[in-house]
N, C-alpha and C. Protein backbone atom coordinates (compact mmCIF):
# COMPACT_ATOMS: atom_id res chain seq x y z
N MET A 1 51.55 80.44 184.60
CA MET A 1 51.50 79.89 185.93
C MET A 1 50.04 79.60 186.27
N ALA A 2 49.79 78.50 186.93
CA ALA A 2 48.43 78.08 187.24
C ALA A 2 47.72 79.10 188.11
N GLU A 3 46.40 79.17 187.95
CA GLU A 3 45.58 80.14 188.68
C GLU A 3 45.69 79.94 190.20
N SER A 4 45.73 78.69 190.66
CA SER A 4 45.84 78.45 192.11
C SER A 4 47.16 79.00 192.65
N ARG A 5 48.23 78.88 191.86
CA ARG A 5 49.51 79.43 192.28
C ARG A 5 49.44 80.95 192.33
N ALA A 6 48.76 81.52 191.37
CA ALA A 6 48.61 82.98 191.33
C ALA A 6 47.91 83.46 192.59
N ARG A 7 46.84 82.79 192.98
CA ARG A 7 46.11 83.19 194.20
C ARG A 7 47.01 83.08 195.43
N MET A 8 47.84 82.03 195.46
CA MET A 8 48.74 81.85 196.61
C MET A 8 49.79 82.97 196.65
N ILE A 9 50.32 83.33 195.50
CA ILE A 9 51.30 84.42 195.45
C ILE A 9 50.66 85.72 195.91
N LEU A 10 49.47 85.99 195.41
CA LEU A 10 48.78 87.23 195.79
C LEU A 10 48.52 87.26 197.29
N ALA A 11 48.10 86.14 197.85
CA ALA A 11 47.80 86.09 199.28
C ALA A 11 49.04 86.26 200.13
N GLU A 12 50.13 85.63 199.74
CA GLU A 12 51.36 85.64 200.55
C GLU A 12 52.16 86.93 200.41
N THR A 13 52.14 87.55 199.23
CA THR A 13 52.99 88.71 198.99
C THR A 13 52.29 90.05 199.13
N GLY A 14 50.98 90.05 199.02
CA GLY A 14 50.27 91.31 199.07
C GLY A 14 50.27 92.06 197.74
N LEU A 15 50.73 91.41 196.67
CA LEU A 15 50.70 92.04 195.35
C LEU A 15 49.25 92.23 194.92
N ALA A 16 48.99 93.33 194.26
CA ALA A 16 47.67 93.55 193.67
C ALA A 16 47.54 92.67 192.43
N GLU A 17 46.31 92.32 192.06
CA GLU A 17 46.11 91.47 190.88
C GLU A 17 46.73 92.09 189.63
N GLU A 18 46.63 93.40 189.49
CA GLU A 18 47.20 94.07 188.32
C GLU A 18 48.73 93.94 188.32
N GLU A 19 49.34 94.09 189.50
CA GLU A 19 50.80 93.93 189.60
C GLU A 19 51.20 92.51 189.20
N TYR A 20 50.45 91.52 189.70
CA TYR A 20 50.75 90.13 189.36
C TYR A 20 50.60 89.89 187.86
N ALA A 21 49.55 90.43 187.29
CA ALA A 21 49.28 90.23 185.86
C ALA A 21 50.40 90.78 184.99
N ASN A 22 51.10 91.79 185.47
CA ASN A 22 52.18 92.41 184.70
C ASN A 22 53.53 91.73 184.87
N LEU A 23 53.61 90.70 185.71
CA LEU A 23 54.88 90.00 185.93
C LEU A 23 55.17 89.05 184.77
N SER A 24 56.42 89.01 184.34
CA SER A 24 56.84 87.98 183.39
C SER A 24 56.97 86.67 184.15
N GLU A 25 57.16 85.57 183.43
CA GLU A 25 57.35 84.27 184.09
C GLU A 25 58.56 84.32 185.02
N LEU A 26 59.66 84.92 184.55
CA LEU A 26 60.86 85.01 185.37
C LEU A 26 60.61 85.87 186.61
N GLU A 27 59.91 86.98 186.45
CA GLU A 27 59.62 87.84 187.60
C GLU A 27 58.73 87.13 188.62
N ALA A 28 57.79 86.32 188.13
CA ALA A 28 56.93 85.56 189.04
C ALA A 28 57.77 84.56 189.84
N TRP A 29 58.72 83.90 189.17
CA TRP A 29 59.60 82.97 189.89
C TRP A 29 60.51 83.72 190.86
N GLU A 30 60.91 84.94 190.51
CA GLU A 30 61.70 85.75 191.44
C GLU A 30 60.92 85.98 192.73
N VAL A 31 59.64 86.31 192.58
CA VAL A 31 58.78 86.53 193.74
C VAL A 31 58.68 85.25 194.56
N ILE A 32 58.47 84.12 193.89
CA ILE A 32 58.35 82.84 194.58
C ILE A 32 59.64 82.50 195.31
N CYS A 33 60.78 82.71 194.66
CA CYS A 33 62.07 82.36 195.28
C CYS A 33 62.35 83.17 196.53
N LYS A 34 61.75 84.33 196.66
CA LYS A 34 61.98 85.18 197.83
C LYS A 34 61.04 84.83 198.99
N LEU A 35 60.08 83.93 198.73
CA LEU A 35 59.15 83.52 199.78
C LEU A 35 59.83 82.50 200.69
N PRO A 36 59.34 82.34 201.92
CA PRO A 36 59.91 81.34 202.82
C PRO A 36 59.87 79.94 202.20
N ALA A 37 60.84 79.11 202.55
CA ALA A 37 60.97 77.77 201.95
C ALA A 37 59.70 76.94 202.09
N HIS A 38 59.05 77.00 203.26
CA HIS A 38 57.84 76.18 203.45
C HIS A 38 56.75 76.57 202.47
N PHE A 39 56.71 77.82 202.07
CA PHE A 39 55.70 78.28 201.13
C PHE A 39 56.07 77.90 199.70
N ARG A 40 57.37 78.00 199.36
CA ARG A 40 57.82 77.68 198.00
C ARG A 40 57.54 76.24 197.62
N LYS A 41 57.52 75.33 198.59
CA LYS A 41 57.31 73.92 198.30
C LYS A 41 55.94 73.65 197.69
N GLU A 42 55.02 74.60 197.84
CA GLU A 42 53.68 74.45 197.27
C GLU A 42 53.69 74.61 195.76
N PHE A 43 54.76 75.11 195.21
CA PHE A 43 54.83 75.42 193.79
C PHE A 43 55.57 74.34 193.02
N TYR A 44 55.30 74.33 191.75
CA TYR A 44 56.04 73.47 190.83
C TYR A 44 57.51 73.84 190.92
N VAL A 45 58.37 72.86 190.86
CA VAL A 45 59.81 73.10 190.95
C VAL A 45 60.33 73.52 189.57
N PRO A 46 60.90 74.71 189.46
CA PRO A 46 61.42 75.14 188.15
C PRO A 46 62.65 74.34 187.76
N GLU A 47 62.77 74.07 186.46
CA GLU A 47 63.92 73.33 185.95
C GLU A 47 64.84 74.28 185.20
N ILE A 48 66.14 74.11 185.40
CA ILE A 48 67.13 74.98 184.78
C ILE A 48 68.30 74.15 184.25
N CYS A 49 68.86 74.62 183.15
CA CYS A 49 70.05 74.00 182.57
C CYS A 49 71.07 75.12 182.37
N PHE A 50 72.33 74.82 182.64
CA PHE A 50 73.40 75.80 182.45
C PHE A 50 74.23 75.39 181.25
N THR A 51 74.52 76.34 180.37
CA THR A 51 75.34 76.07 179.19
C THR A 51 76.33 77.20 178.99
N GLY A 52 77.47 76.86 178.43
CA GLY A 52 78.46 77.89 178.13
C GLY A 52 79.41 78.22 179.26
N PHE A 53 79.43 77.39 180.29
CA PHE A 53 80.31 77.63 181.43
C PHE A 53 81.46 76.64 181.49
N GLY A 54 81.55 75.74 180.51
CA GLY A 54 82.58 74.71 180.55
C GLY A 54 82.28 73.72 181.67
N ARG A 55 83.25 72.95 182.03
CA ARG A 55 83.06 71.95 183.09
C ARG A 55 83.77 72.34 184.38
N GLY A 56 84.10 73.59 184.50
CA GLY A 56 84.85 74.07 185.65
C GLY A 56 84.00 74.30 186.88
N LYS A 57 84.62 74.97 187.83
CA LYS A 57 83.99 75.21 189.13
C LYS A 57 82.79 76.15 189.03
N GLU A 58 82.83 77.10 188.09
CA GLU A 58 81.73 78.07 187.99
C GLU A 58 80.40 77.36 187.72
N LYS A 59 80.39 76.45 186.77
CA LYS A 59 79.16 75.72 186.45
C LYS A 59 78.69 74.90 187.64
N ALA A 60 79.61 74.20 188.29
CA ALA A 60 79.25 73.39 189.46
C ALA A 60 78.69 74.27 190.57
N MET A 61 79.27 75.44 190.76
CA MET A 61 78.80 76.36 191.79
C MET A 61 77.39 76.85 191.46
N LEU A 62 77.16 77.22 190.21
CA LEU A 62 75.84 77.69 189.79
C LEU A 62 74.79 76.58 189.95
N GLN A 63 75.15 75.37 189.60
CA GLN A 63 74.22 74.25 189.75
C GLN A 63 73.86 74.04 191.22
N GLU A 64 74.84 74.14 192.10
CA GLU A 64 74.57 73.97 193.53
C GLU A 64 73.71 75.11 194.07
N ILE A 65 73.99 76.33 193.64
CA ILE A 65 73.17 77.48 194.05
C ILE A 65 71.73 77.26 193.60
N ALA A 66 71.56 76.78 192.37
CA ALA A 66 70.21 76.52 191.86
C ALA A 66 69.51 75.47 192.72
N ARG A 67 70.18 74.39 193.01
CA ARG A 67 69.59 73.33 193.84
C ARG A 67 69.21 73.86 195.22
N MET A 68 70.10 74.65 195.82
CA MET A 68 69.84 75.20 197.15
C MET A 68 68.65 76.14 197.16
N ASN A 69 68.31 76.67 195.99
CA ASN A 69 67.18 77.59 195.88
C ASN A 69 65.95 76.94 195.26
N GLY A 70 65.91 75.62 195.27
CA GLY A 70 64.71 74.91 194.88
C GLY A 70 64.56 74.58 193.41
N TYR A 71 65.61 74.76 192.63
CA TYR A 71 65.55 74.43 191.20
C TYR A 71 65.95 72.97 191.00
N LEU A 72 65.39 72.36 189.97
CA LEU A 72 65.83 71.05 189.51
C LEU A 72 66.81 71.32 188.37
N VAL A 73 68.04 70.87 188.53
CA VAL A 73 69.10 71.15 187.55
C VAL A 73 69.15 70.02 186.52
N ARG A 74 69.13 70.41 185.27
CA ARG A 74 69.22 69.46 184.16
C ARG A 74 70.52 69.68 183.40
N ASP A 75 71.03 68.62 182.78
CA ASP A 75 72.24 68.73 181.98
C ASP A 75 71.93 68.97 180.51
N ALA A 76 70.67 68.86 180.15
CA ALA A 76 70.26 69.03 178.75
C ALA A 76 68.93 69.77 178.70
N VAL A 77 68.59 70.26 177.53
CA VAL A 77 67.30 70.91 177.32
C VAL A 77 66.26 69.79 177.24
N THR A 78 65.34 69.79 178.20
CA THR A 78 64.31 68.75 178.28
C THR A 78 62.95 69.35 177.98
N LYS A 79 61.94 68.49 177.87
CA LYS A 79 60.59 68.95 177.55
C LYS A 79 60.03 69.88 178.63
N ARG A 80 60.43 69.68 179.86
CA ARG A 80 59.87 70.47 180.97
C ARG A 80 60.79 71.59 181.44
N LEU A 81 61.87 71.83 180.72
CA LEU A 81 62.83 72.85 181.14
C LEU A 81 62.17 74.23 181.13
N ASP A 82 62.41 75.00 182.19
CA ASP A 82 61.87 76.36 182.30
C ASP A 82 62.89 77.40 181.87
N PHE A 83 64.16 77.21 182.27
CA PHE A 83 65.19 78.23 182.03
C PHE A 83 66.47 77.60 181.50
N LEU A 84 67.07 78.29 180.54
CA LEU A 84 68.41 77.95 180.06
C LEU A 84 69.28 79.14 180.41
N CYS A 85 70.23 78.93 181.32
CA CYS A 85 71.13 80.00 181.76
C CYS A 85 72.41 79.89 180.95
N CYS A 86 72.72 80.96 180.22
CA CYS A 86 73.85 80.94 179.29
C CYS A 86 75.06 81.69 179.83
N GLY A 87 76.21 81.02 179.72
CA GLY A 87 77.49 81.62 180.07
C GLY A 87 78.14 82.23 178.85
N PRO A 88 79.44 82.48 178.93
CA PRO A 88 80.15 83.17 177.85
C PRO A 88 80.23 82.39 176.53
N GLU A 89 80.14 81.07 176.59
CA GLU A 89 80.25 80.26 175.37
C GLU A 89 79.11 79.23 175.32
N PRO A 90 77.86 79.69 175.16
CA PRO A 90 76.73 78.76 175.18
C PRO A 90 76.72 77.84 173.96
N GLY A 91 76.22 76.63 174.17
CA GLY A 91 76.11 75.67 173.08
C GLY A 91 75.00 76.07 172.12
N PRO A 92 75.33 76.27 170.84
CA PRO A 92 74.32 76.71 169.88
C PRO A 92 73.16 75.74 169.74
N SER A 93 73.41 74.44 169.87
CA SER A 93 72.31 73.48 169.74
C SER A 93 71.36 73.58 170.93
N LYS A 94 71.90 73.84 172.13
CA LYS A 94 71.03 74.01 173.30
C LYS A 94 70.18 75.26 173.15
N ILE A 95 70.77 76.34 172.66
CA ILE A 95 70.01 77.57 172.46
C ILE A 95 68.91 77.35 171.43
N GLU A 96 69.25 76.71 170.33
CA GLU A 96 68.27 76.45 169.27
C GLU A 96 67.12 75.60 169.79
N GLN A 97 67.44 74.54 170.51
CA GLN A 97 66.40 73.66 171.05
C GLN A 97 65.55 74.40 172.08
N ALA A 98 66.18 75.21 172.93
CA ALA A 98 65.44 75.97 173.94
C ALA A 98 64.49 76.96 173.28
N GLU A 99 64.96 77.66 172.27
CA GLU A 99 64.11 78.61 171.55
C GLU A 99 62.93 77.90 170.91
N PHE A 100 63.18 76.75 170.30
CA PHE A 100 62.13 75.97 169.65
C PHE A 100 61.07 75.54 170.66
N GLN A 101 61.49 75.19 171.87
CA GLN A 101 60.57 74.71 172.90
C GLN A 101 59.97 75.84 173.74
N GLY A 102 60.37 77.07 173.50
CA GLY A 102 59.83 78.18 174.27
C GLY A 102 60.42 78.32 175.66
N VAL A 103 61.61 77.78 175.87
CA VAL A 103 62.30 77.89 177.16
C VAL A 103 62.82 79.32 177.30
N GLU A 104 62.70 79.88 178.49
CA GLU A 104 63.21 81.23 178.73
C GLU A 104 64.73 81.18 178.87
N ILE A 105 65.41 81.96 178.05
CA ILE A 105 66.87 82.01 178.07
C ILE A 105 67.28 83.20 178.92
N VAL A 106 68.12 82.94 179.94
CA VAL A 106 68.53 83.99 180.87
C VAL A 106 70.05 84.04 180.99
N THR A 107 70.52 85.20 181.40
CA THR A 107 71.95 85.37 181.67
C THR A 107 72.22 84.95 183.11
N ILE A 108 73.48 84.82 183.44
CA ILE A 108 73.85 84.49 184.82
C ILE A 108 73.36 85.58 185.77
N GLU A 109 73.45 86.83 185.34
CA GLU A 109 72.99 87.94 186.19
C GLU A 109 71.49 87.86 186.45
N GLU A 110 70.72 87.50 185.41
CA GLU A 110 69.27 87.38 185.59
C GLU A 110 68.94 86.22 186.52
N PHE A 111 69.63 85.10 186.37
CA PHE A 111 69.39 83.96 187.26
C PHE A 111 69.70 84.33 188.70
N LEU A 112 70.88 84.90 188.93
CA LEU A 112 71.27 85.26 190.30
C LEU A 112 70.34 86.32 190.88
N GLY A 113 69.93 87.27 190.06
CA GLY A 113 68.98 88.29 190.51
C GLY A 113 67.64 87.68 190.90
N ALA A 114 67.22 86.64 190.16
CA ALA A 114 65.94 85.99 190.43
C ALA A 114 65.93 85.31 191.79
N ILE A 115 67.10 84.90 192.27
CA ILE A 115 67.15 84.24 193.58
C ILE A 115 67.66 85.18 194.67
N GLY A 116 67.79 86.45 194.32
CA GLY A 116 68.15 87.45 195.32
C GLY A 116 69.63 87.68 195.52
N ILE A 117 70.46 87.20 194.60
CA ILE A 117 71.90 87.45 194.69
C ILE A 117 72.24 88.51 193.66
N THR A 118 72.68 89.66 194.14
CA THR A 118 73.01 90.75 193.23
C THR A 118 74.49 91.08 193.32
N GLY A 119 75.03 91.56 192.19
CA GLY A 119 76.44 91.96 192.17
C GLY A 119 76.64 93.27 192.89
N SER A 120 77.87 93.52 193.25
CA SER A 120 78.15 94.77 193.97
C SER A 120 78.69 95.81 193.05
């Protein structure tokens, strides 16, 4: 994450520099997603692709949740993709391409947790 973004996160959240330095990329985005909408707009928009959910309602719902939380939803693994969220039957070619490109692969639980939605 860019240094200017790091300074903004530190200023807005009150995190110590050491705490920020220990955050993974996903944890940093979790912090950003919990900030007020006007503040989040200052950041690069994370890109996410969903695979393994079929074409049913679950995938459509997840895509809409992602959009509502400031993510750019992609249908394929692209050069700028940040996250590949995998369902029960992920496409092996998408996983392979994501791994090759260094895309962070997350579960549905990790994605929902990152935006503040937790299971009961």
